[in-house]
Amino acid sequence: MEIFSGLSIGGSLLYFIPPMLLLPVVMVVCAAIYKVLLGNILPTKIYNFLLVPIALLGFFIWAIPMNMGFYEFFSAMFNRSILEKNL
């Protein structure tokens, strides 16, 4: 089973890069919201223990829309711009 069958080494990876850049941004934003809301309320050990599940929640917040078609959106957006340059 080829996981990255749509990606080619010589081809353009522009449709793959924006979602990958968006992943750490979403995870950091989730962690920042968690810090603002619960950083001063929770004890340090509990806060640190729950920080990883909050970051994983950020991953799932990113992954669900990617499964719903944002990956295809980025792919179509950059493939269209590449096709327009060739015309």
Protein backbone atom coordinates (compact mmCIF):
# COMPACT_ATOMS: atom_id res chain seq x y z
CA MET A 1 0.00 0.00 0.00
CA GLU A 2 1.54 3.24 -1.15
CA ILE A 3 0.66 6.03 1.31
CA PHE A 4 2.15 8.91 -0.66
CA SER A 5 1.23 7.69 -4.13
CA GLY A 6 -0.01 11.14 -5.14
CA LEU A 7 3.32 12.76 -4.31
CA SER A 8 6.16 12.58 -6.76
CA ILE A 9 9.74 13.57 -6.09
CA GLY A 10 10.02 15.70 -9.22
CA GLY A 11 6.51 17.16 -8.96
CA SER A 12 5.31 20.20 -7.11
CA LEU A 13 4.69 19.81 -3.39
CA LEU A 14 2.96 23.15 -3.02
CA TYR A 15 -0.36 21.48 -2.27
CA PHE A 16 1.29 19.42 0.50
CA ILE A 17 3.22 22.22 2.25
CA PRO A 18 0.40 24.59 3.43
CA PRO A 19 -1.45 21.90 5.40
CA MET A 20 1.83 20.84 7.00
CA LEU A 21 2.56 24.44 7.98
CA LEU A 22 -0.94 24.75 9.36
CA LEU A 23 -0.52 21.75 11.70
CA PRO A 24 1.94 23.29 14.20
CA VAL A 25 0.03 26.57 14.09
CA VAL A 26 -3.20 24.84 15.13
CA MET A 27 -1.43 22.89 17.87
CA VAL A 28 0.25 26.02 19.27
CA VAL A 29 -3.02 27.96 19.20
CA CYS A 30 -4.76 25.16 21.14
CA ALA A 31 -1.97 25.15 23.71
CA ALA A 32 -2.11 28.96 23.99
CA ILE A 33 -5.87 28.92 24.55
CA TYR A 34 -5.37 26.22 27.19
CA LYS A 35 -2.71 28.33 28.92
CA VAL A 36 -4.89 31.45 28.91
CA LEU A 37 -7.97 29.64 30.21
CA LEU A 38 -6.47 27.21 32.73
CA GLY A 39 -2.82 28.20 33.20
CA ASN A 40 -3.33 30.07 36.46
CA ILE A 41 -6.13 27.88 37.81
CA LEU A 42 -4.58 24.41 37.60
CA PRO A 43 -1.63 23.23 39.69
CA THR A 44 1.60 22.94 37.72
CA LYS A 45 1.73 19.13 37.65
CA ILE A 46 -1.82 18.79 36.38
CA TYR A 47 -1.30 21.61 33.86
CA ASN A 48 1.84 19.95 32.46
CA PHE A 49 0.15 16.53 32.42
CA LEU A 50 -2.80 17.84 30.38
CA LEU A 51 -0.69 19.89 27.96
CA VAL A 52 0.07 16.88 25.72
CA PRO A 53 -3.60 15.84 25.36
CA ILE A 54 -4.45 19.44 24.48
CA ALA A 55 -1.76 19.42 21.76
CA LEU A 56 -3.19 16.12 20.47
CA LEU A 57 -6.62 17.75 20.44
CA GLY A 58 -5.06 20.40 18.20
CA PHE A 59 -3.85 17.63 15.91
CA PHE A 60 -7.37 16.20 15.65
CA ILE A 61 -8.81 19.67 15.05
CA TRP A 62 -6.38 19.89 12.12
CA ALA A 63 -6.86 16.31 10.88
CA ILE A 64 -10.65 16.20 10.70
CA PRO A 65 -10.99 19.10 8.19
CA MET A 66 -8.09 17.65 6.17
CA ASN A 67 -10.11 14.45 5.88
CA MET A 68 -13.18 16.46 4.87
CA GLY A 69 -11.57 17.99 1.80
CA PHE A 70 -9.14 20.76 2.72
CA TYR A 71 -6.31 18.61 1.36
CA GLU A 72 -8.12 18.45 -1.98
CA PHE A 73 -8.74 22.21 -1.76
CA PHE A 74 -5.01 22.93 -1.40
CA SER A 75 -4.23 20.43 -4.13
CA ALA A 76 -6.72 21.96 -6.54
CA MET A 77 -5.71 25.53 -5.68
CA PHE A 78 -2.03 25.00 -6.40
CA ASN A 79 -2.55 22.68 -9.36
CA ARG A 80 -4.78 25.31 -10.95
CA SER A 81 -2.15 28.04 -10.47
CA ILE A 82 0.50 25.80 -11.99
CA LEU A 83 -1.77 25.06 -14.96
CA GLU A 84 -2.48 28.76 -15.47
CA LYS A 85 1.27 29.48 -15.61
CA ASN A 86 1.70 26.84 -18.32
CA LEU A 87 -1.04 28.36 -20.48
